[in-house]
Amino acid sequence: MELRAIWERYKNRGLVMFGCLALVLVPMIGYFSAQATQPKQVTFSMDGESKTVATKATTVEQFLTERNITVTEKDSLQPTPETKLKDGALITLYTTWSIPIQVDGQKKTIETLSRDVAGALKDGGIVLGEKDRVEPALTATLTKDSSISVKRIVEKMVKVDERVTFQEIRKNDPALEKGKSRVLQSGQEGKAIAHYKLIMEDGKEVSRDLVKRDVLVPKKDNVVAVGTAIPMLQKKGQPDRVLVASAAGPVSRGGKVFRPKKVLNGVTLTAYTPSGGGKHPSSPGYGRTSTGAKAKVGHTIAVDPNVIPYGWWVYIEGVGYRRAEDTGGAMKGGKIDVFVGTESEARNFGRKRNKTVYIIGPQKP
């Protein structure tokens, strides 16, 4: 009886309290439900590109799902998927890119979150040498379609045994008939060790620069004398001929250097005395030349003035310097008579053939 009385007493009070709570909670639930379904403004950045979007998602994960975006464990997402979204929230997502790379002769793929070349190489564990070449540059910004090339550059020194080839040097020789030649010095190859700096790119040589060359055996050039003398035929009945060369370079003879006007080859030498032609010592022309000069030993020669003008100096091979001051009936073309003091000297002189004569000019060197 007492329990029933108590129940009846408080039953009405409970109903009143429940009604009061209902009046408070129902509007609140409605308010928060309405707030939860209202779109929120969220800034979404994906791989560096940002935009503000409206969403009804309550978490980051729901936000990504409604946009069909799948996030892998290799990607970078901030904040975490379970984070509740609020109006004005910032979601940042960096997806992993697969960047192809050519390195060490192989094609590889780097999975990277980096957006520059240097970072991608680091993510791929690619260690660069000091001289390695990377394309594009380490500071270059990557795109999804980018690729990277690494060239391994190595410098090294090598030694190479070399044969040094000789050259042929041709020198004009006025003492040699035109069309003929003779070897003055035979050519000989030399030997050397060359030091080269090589640039290797991925194991292949791309450049070679000579640093120095050590000569072990010097080369000897092949030196050839080339004739320039032009044959000048003698008059009928004169079997001798003389080869006339044009002006040659400086010549050193008898301790003096001169530049001859011409060079005569194949000259025949004889000797004559003051009594040449049967002259007696008492004869007015004894010891005199055809030009009227006093013939002198070691000085005077008789020549063909058409070949060697009177008064000109010459150098005769094996004889020395002489001056053209005389002539004679036998002095034609390639013949010269050398004045001596006695008949005995003339006989001892005899006939000398194939001599070379350098025509100098009116002044003695």
Protein backbone atom coordinates (compact mmCIF):
# COMPACT_ATOMS: atom_id res chain seq x y z
CA MET A 1 0.00 0.00 0.00
CA GLU A 2 2.73 2.33 0.85
CA LEU A 3 4.70 1.59 -2.38
CA ARG A 4 1.70 2.28 -4.51
CA ALA A 5 1.19 5.54 -2.75
CA ILE A 6 4.74 6.55 -3.38
CA TRP A 7 4.50 5.70 -7.10
CA GLU A 8 1.38 7.69 -7.56
CA ARG A 9 2.95 10.56 -5.76
CA TYR A 10 6.04 10.81 -8.02
CA LYS A 11 4.54 9.57 -11.33
CA ASN A 12 3.11 12.88 -12.16
CA ARG A 13 6.31 14.70 -11.26
CA GLY A 14 8.37 12.45 -13.66
CA LEU A 15 6.09 13.11 -16.51
CA VAL A 16 6.47 16.77 -15.96
CA MET A 17 10.28 16.59 -15.89
CA PHE A 18 10.40 14.41 -19.02
CA GLY A 19 8.28 16.88 -20.82
CA CYS A 20 10.55 19.70 -19.82
CA LEU A 21 13.63 17.87 -21.02
CA ALA A 22 11.96 17.09 -24.30
CA LEU A 23 11.17 20.73 -24.81
CA VAL A 24 14.88 21.57 -24.42
CA LEU A 25 16.60 18.66 -26.19
CA VAL A 26 14.49 18.38 -29.29
CA PRO A 27 15.32 21.89 -30.57
CA MET A 28 18.97 21.39 -29.74
CA ILE A 29 19.15 18.11 -31.63
CA GLY A 30 17.43 19.72 -34.55
CA TYR A 31 19.87 22.62 -34.50
CA PHE A 32 22.97 20.45 -34.42
CA SER A 33 21.56 18.11 -37.05
CA ALA A 34 20.96 21.05 -39.28
CA GLN A 35 24.47 22.35 -38.66
CA ALA A 36 25.97 18.95 -39.48
CA THR A 37 24.25 18.83 -42.84
CA GLN A 38 25.17 22.39 -43.84
CA PRO A 39 28.08 22.54 -46.49
CA LYS A 40 31.46 23.64 -45.11
CA GLN A 41 34.04 25.72 -47.03
CA VAL A 42 37.31 23.75 -47.13
CA THR A 43 40.63 24.58 -48.84
CA PHE A 44 42.02 21.51 -50.59
CA SER A 45 45.65 21.47 -51.86
CA MET A 46 46.73 18.54 -54.01
CA ASP A 47 50.28 18.33 -55.35
CA GLY A 48 50.70 22.07 -54.94
CA GLU A 49 47.43 23.12 -56.58
CA SER A 50 44.90 24.65 -54.17
CA LYS A 51 41.20 25.42 -54.42
CA THR A 52 38.34 26.15 -52.01
CA VAL A 53 35.40 23.72 -52.17
CA ALA A 54 32.11 23.18 -50.35
CA THR A 55 31.57 19.83 -48.66
CA LYS A 56 29.13 18.12 -46.34
CA ALA A 57 31.77 15.57 -45.29
CA THR A 58 32.38 15.39 -41.59
CA THR A 59 35.90 13.92 -41.78
CA VAL A 60 38.92 14.17 -44.06
CA GLU A 61 38.38 10.58 -45.15
CA GLN A 62 34.78 11.30 -46.17
CA PHE A 63 35.93 14.39 -48.05
CA LEU A 64 38.42 12.36 -50.11
CA THR A 65 35.92 9.55 -50.69
CA GLU A 66 33.28 11.89 -52.12
CA ARG A 67 35.93 13.00 -54.64
CA ASN A 68 37.08 9.48 -55.49
CA ILE A 69 40.59 10.21 -54.27
CA THR A 70 42.53 7.18 -53.02
CA VAL A 71 45.40 7.82 -50.67
CA THR A 72 48.20 5.23 -50.37
CA GLU A 73 50.65 4.76 -47.56
CA LYS A 74 53.34 6.38 -49.74
CA ASP A 75 51.35 9.60 -50.07
CA SER A 76 51.52 12.53 -47.67
CA LEU A 77 48.18 13.69 -46.17
CA GLN A 78 47.56 16.42 -43.61
CA PRO A 79 45.56 16.23 -41.42
CA THR A 80 44.93 12.51 -40.83
CA PRO A 81 41.92 10.79 -42.45
CA GLU A 82 39.89 10.56 -39.22
CA THR A 83 40.18 14.27 -38.46
CA LYS A 84 36.81 16.04 -38.12
CA LEU A 85 36.25 18.77 -40.63
CA LYS A 86 35.39 22.30 -39.67
CA ASP A 87 34.48 25.23 -41.82
CA GLY A 88 37.67 26.84 -43.18
CA ALA A 89 39.78 23.68 -42.74
CA LEU A 90 42.90 23.07 -44.89
CA ILE A 91 43.56 19.63 -46.37
CA THR A 92 46.96 19.06 -48.00
CA LEU A 93 47.74 15.98 -50.10
CA TYR A 94 50.98 15.13 -51.89
CA THR A 95 50.76 12.00 -54.01
CA THR A 96 53.73 9.83 -54.82
CA TRP A 97 55.06 10.25 -58.38
CA SER A 98 56.81 7.55 -60.38
CA ILE A 99 59.73 9.26 -62.12
CA PRO A 100 61.74 7.23 -64.70
CA ILE A 101 65.51 7.62 -64.48
CA GLN A 102 68.39 6.49 -66.72
CA VAL A 103 71.47 5.80 -64.59
CA ASP A 104 74.45 3.43 -64.67
CA GLY A 105 73.29 2.02 -67.99
CA GLN A 106 69.90 1.00 -66.60
CA LYS A 107 66.35 2.33 -66.62
CA LYS A 108 64.79 2.63 -63.17
CA THR A 109 61.74 4.19 -61.57
CA ILE A 110 61.88 6.39 -58.47
CA GLU A 111 58.85 6.68 -56.19
CA THR A 112 59.08 10.16 -54.73
CA LEU A 113 57.15 12.87 -52.94
CA SER A 114 59.80 15.43 -53.89
CA ARG A 115 59.02 17.95 -56.54
CA ASP A 116 62.58 18.75 -57.60
CA VAL A 117 65.31 16.62 -59.20
CA ALA A 118 67.67 16.68 -56.22
CA GLY A 119 64.95 15.43 -53.87
CA ALA A 120 63.88 12.70 -56.26
CA LEU A 121 67.45 11.41 -56.58
CA LYS A 122 67.77 11.39 -52.80
CA ASP A 123 64.52 9.45 -52.46
CA GLY A 124 65.81 6.96 -55.02
CA GLY A 125 69.13 6.50 -53.23
CA ILE A 126 71.10 7.81 -56.23
CA VAL A 127 74.49 9.13 -55.10
CA LEU A 128 76.18 11.55 -57.51
CA GLY A 129 79.89 11.84 -58.21
CA GLU A 130 81.61 15.22 -58.28
CA LYS A 131 81.64 15.43 -62.08
CA ASP A 132 78.43 13.54 -62.87
CA ARG A 133 76.03 15.32 -65.19
CA VAL A 134 72.31 15.41 -64.41
CA GLU A 135 69.55 16.41 -66.80
CA PRO A 136 67.45 18.33 -65.99
CA ALA A 137 69.41 20.34 -63.42
CA LEU A 138 69.24 19.40 -59.75
CA THR A 139 67.20 22.51 -58.96
CA ALA A 140 64.68 21.91 -61.75
CA THR A 141 61.02 21.43 -60.79
CA LEU A 142 59.48 18.08 -61.68
CA THR A 143 56.13 17.29 -63.27
CA LYS A 144 54.34 13.96 -63.44
CA ASP A 145 55.71 13.47 -66.96
CA SER A 146 59.32 14.31 -66.08
CA SER A 147 62.25 11.93 -66.53
CA ILE A 148 65.81 12.16 -65.23
CA SER A 149 69.12 11.24 -66.85
CA VAL A 150 72.36 10.76 -64.91
CA LYS A 151 75.65 10.54 -66.80
CA ARG A 152 78.58 9.14 -64.83
CA ILE A 153 81.63 11.26 -65.69
CA VAL A 154 85.13 9.98 -64.95
CA GLU A 155 88.48 11.60 -65.81
CA LYS A 156 91.61 9.51 -66.09
CA MET A 157 95.15 9.70 -67.48
CA VAL A 158 96.54 7.16 -69.95
CA LYS A 159 99.93 6.66 -71.58
CA VAL A 160 100.20 5.69 -75.23
CA ASP A 161 103.32 4.55 -77.09
CA GLU A 162 103.44 6.45 -80.36
CA ARG A 163 105.43 6.33 -83.56
CA VAL A 164 106.40 9.79 -84.73
CA THR A 165 106.26 9.85 -88.52
CA PHE A 166 108.90 11.80 -90.35
CA GLN A 167 108.26 14.38 -93.04
CA GLU A 168 109.83 14.72 -96.46
CA ILE A 169 111.58 18.03 -96.91
CA ARG A 170 112.48 19.00 -100.48
CA LYS A 171 115.21 21.56 -101.03
CA ASN A 172 116.10 23.18 -104.32
CA ASP A 173 119.65 22.34 -105.33
CA PRO A 174 121.16 24.61 -108.01
CA ALA A 175 124.06 22.20 -108.37
CA LEU A 176 121.74 19.42 -109.55
CA GLU A 177 120.18 19.14 -113.00
CA LYS A 178 116.47 19.90 -113.16
CA GLY A 179 114.37 16.73 -113.04
CA LYS A 180 116.87 14.90 -110.85
CA SER A 181 116.96 14.50 -107.10
CA ARG A 182 119.11 12.94 -104.43
CA VAL A 183 118.55 12.03 -100.79
CA LEU A 184 120.54 14.19 -98.41
CA GLN A 185 119.21 12.52 -95.26
CA SER A 186 117.18 9.34 -94.97
CA GLY A 187 114.02 9.62 -92.92
CA GLN A 188 113.65 7.73 -89.66
CA GLU A 189 110.59 7.42 -87.43
CA GLY A 190 110.79 8.65 -83.87
CA LYS A 191 109.33 7.17 -80.71
CA ALA A 192 107.39 8.95 -77.99
CA ILE A 193 105.09 8.39 -75.04
CA ALA A 194 101.96 10.55 -75.15
CA HIS A 195 100.06 11.41 -71.97
CA TYR A 196 96.33 11.91 -72.57
CA LYS A 197 93.50 13.03 -70.30
CA LEU A 198 90.40 11.00 -71.09
CA ILE A 199 86.81 11.95 -70.29
CA MET A 200 84.65 8.87 -69.86
CA GLU A 201 80.86 9.12 -69.95
CA ASP A 202 79.05 6.03 -68.70
CA GLY A 203 82.20 4.04 -69.44
CA LYS A 204 82.63 5.36 -72.98
CA GLU A 205 85.37 7.75 -74.09
CA VAL A 206 83.95 11.08 -75.23
CA SER A 207 87.11 13.21 -75.38
CA ARG A 208 90.88 12.84 -75.36
CA ASP A 209 93.25 15.76 -74.79
CA LEU A 210 97.03 15.60 -75.10
CA VAL A 211 98.68 16.77 -71.89
CA LYS A 212 102.32 16.18 -72.85
CA ARG A 213 104.50 14.03 -75.07
CA ASP A 214 107.83 12.58 -73.97
CA VAL A 215 110.14 12.03 -76.95
CA LEU A 216 112.20 8.86 -76.58
CA VAL A 217 113.78 8.81 -80.05
CA PRO A 218 113.68 12.01 -82.16
CA LYS A 219 112.46 11.64 -85.71
CA LYS A 220 114.68 12.37 -88.69
CA ASP A 221 113.03 13.99 -91.67
CA ASN A 222 113.72 12.69 -95.13
CA VAL A 223 115.64 15.50 -96.87
CA VAL A 224 115.72 15.43 -100.66
CA ALA A 225 117.68 17.75 -102.93
CA VAL A 226 115.73 18.71 -106.04
CA GLY A 227 117.67 19.86 -109.07
CA THR A 228 116.96 23.30 -110.52
CA ALA A 229 119.90 23.57 -112.96
CA ILE A 230 118.91 23.94 -116.64
CA PRO A 231 121.28 22.36 -119.20
CA MET A 232 122.78 24.85 -121.68
CA LEU A 233 124.02 23.07 -124.80
CA GLN A 234 127.31 24.11 -126.32
CA LYS A 235 127.97 25.06 -129.88
CA LYS A 236 128.43 22.38 -132.47
CA GLY A 237 131.75 20.64 -132.09
CA GLN A 238 131.87 21.32 -128.32
CA PRO A 239 130.90 18.11 -126.51
CA ASP A 240 130.94 19.69 -123.04
CA ARG A 241 127.86 21.29 -121.60
CA VAL A 242 127.19 23.33 -118.52
CA LEU A 243 124.14 23.24 -116.29
CA VAL A 244 122.95 26.74 -115.48
CA ALA A 245 120.84 27.25 -112.38
CA SER A 246 118.96 30.37 -111.47
CA ALA A 247 119.87 32.39 -108.41
CA ALA A 248 120.13 30.22 -105.30
CA GLY A 249 119.96 31.01 -101.61
CA PRO A 250 122.93 32.12 -99.50
CA VAL A 251 126.02 29.95 -99.94
CA SER A 252 128.99 29.63 -97.60
CA ARG A 253 132.29 28.98 -99.37
CA GLY A 254 135.86 29.74 -98.45
CA GLY A 255 134.85 31.19 -95.10
CA LYS A 256 132.49 33.73 -96.69
CA VAL A 257 128.75 33.83 -97.28
CA PHE A 258 127.31 35.14 -100.53
CA ARG A 259 124.23 34.82 -102.71
CA PRO A 260 125.27 33.73 -106.23
CA LYS A 261 123.62 35.14 -109.32
CA LYS A 262 123.81 31.75 -110.97
CA VAL A 263 125.37 28.35 -110.42
CA LEU A 264 127.16 26.44 -113.18
CA ASN A 265 127.54 22.67 -113.00
CA GLY A 266 129.57 20.34 -115.18
CA VAL A 267 132.27 22.96 -115.84
CA THR A 268 135.62 21.81 -117.26
CA LEU A 269 138.76 23.46 -115.83
CA THR A 270 142.18 23.79 -117.45
CA ALA A 271 145.20 26.00 -116.67
CA TYR A 272 147.29 28.43 -118.68
CA THR A 273 150.47 30.48 -118.16
CA PRO A 274 151.77 33.93 -119.23
CA SER A 275 153.26 32.30 -122.30
CA GLY A 276 149.93 30.90 -123.35
CA GLY A 277 149.41 31.25 -127.08
CA GLY A 278 153.20 31.22 -127.74
CA LYS A 279 153.88 34.68 -126.39
CA HIS A 280 157.52 35.55 -125.63
CA PRO A 281 158.39 37.35 -122.41
CA SER A 282 159.53 40.29 -124.51
CA SER A 283 156.19 40.45 -126.32
CA PRO A 284 154.09 43.53 -125.44
CA GLY A 285 151.11 41.28 -124.64
CA TYR A 286 153.06 38.92 -122.46
CA GLY A 287 151.22 38.39 -119.12
CA ARG A 288 148.34 40.58 -120.22
CA THR A 289 144.74 39.48 -120.55
CA SER A 290 142.38 40.19 -123.42
CA THR A 291 140.90 42.98 -121.33
CA GLY A 292 144.35 44.56 -120.87
CA ALA A 293 144.64 43.69 -117.20
CA LYS A 294 147.80 42.18 -115.74
CA ALA A 295 147.16 38.47 -115.22
CA LYS A 296 147.76 37.42 -111.61
CA VAL A 297 148.18 33.99 -110.09
CA GLY A 298 145.34 33.14 -107.70
CA HIS A 299 143.25 35.87 -109.25
CA THR A 300 142.73 35.67 -113.03
CA ILE A 301 140.67 33.23 -115.07
CA ALA A 302 139.78 33.07 -118.76
CA VAL A 303 136.08 32.54 -119.50
CA ASP A 304 133.38 32.70 -122.12
CA PRO A 305 132.11 36.28 -121.53
CA ASN A 306 128.69 35.21 -122.80
CA VAL A 307 128.43 33.01 -119.74
CA ILE A 308 130.52 34.90 -117.17
CA PRO A 309 130.82 38.66 -117.78
CA TYR A 310 134.28 40.28 -117.61
CA GLY A 311 135.07 41.71 -114.22
CA TRP A 312 132.77 39.36 -112.33
CA TRP A 313 133.90 37.24 -109.44
CA VAL A 314 133.24 33.52 -109.19
CA TYR A 315 133.90 30.78 -106.72
CA ILE A 316 135.28 27.60 -108.32
CA GLU A 317 134.90 24.30 -106.51
CA GLY A 318 138.34 23.08 -105.46
CA VAL A 319 140.06 26.28 -106.65
CA GLY A 320 138.60 29.25 -104.78
CA TYR A 321 137.68 32.84 -105.63
CA ARG A 322 138.71 34.08 -109.07
CA ARG A 323 137.94 37.06 -111.33
CA ALA A 324 136.92 36.79 -115.00
CA GLU A 325 139.55 38.92 -116.82
CA ASP A 326 140.53 36.92 -119.90
CA THR A 327 139.19 34.72 -122.66
CA GLY A 328 140.45 32.48 -125.42
CA GLY A 329 139.36 30.59 -128.49
CA ALA A 330 138.70 27.44 -126.49
CA MET A 331 136.71 29.22 -123.78
CA LYS A 332 133.20 28.29 -124.84
CA GLY A 333 130.28 27.73 -122.50
CA GLY A 334 131.30 25.30 -119.83
CA LYS A 335 135.07 25.82 -119.86
CA ILE A 336 137.29 27.96 -117.65
CA ASP A 337 141.07 28.48 -117.87
CA VAL A 338 142.79 29.15 -114.55
CA PHE A 339 145.89 31.36 -114.69
CA VAL A 340 149.01 29.78 -113.08
CA GLY A 341 152.66 30.87 -112.91
CA THR A 342 154.54 28.09 -114.72
CA GLU A 343 154.13 25.43 -117.37
CA SER A 344 154.83 22.79 -114.75
CA GLU A 345 151.90 24.03 -112.68
CA ALA A 346 149.70 24.00 -115.76
CA ARG A 347 150.63 20.39 -116.54
CA ASN A 348 150.02 19.34 -112.93
CA PHE A 349 146.66 21.09 -112.96
CA GLY A 350 145.57 18.99 -115.93
CA ARG A 351 141.91 18.86 -116.93
CA LYS A 352 139.26 18.83 -114.23
CA ARG A 353 135.70 17.98 -115.20
CA ASN A 354 132.24 18.36 -113.68
CA LYS A 355 133.14 21.21 -111.38
CA THR A 356 130.63 23.60 -109.84
CA VAL A 357 131.12 27.33 -110.30
CA TYR A 358 129.19 30.01 -108.41
CA ILE A 359 128.82 33.28 -110.33
CA ILE A 360 128.89 36.04 -107.72
CA GLY A 361 129.00 39.42 -109.45
CA PRO A 362 131.33 42.43 -109.82
CA GLN A 363 132.02 42.63 -106.07
CA LYS A 364 134.09 40.04 -104.24
CA PRO A 365 132.47 38.81 -101.01
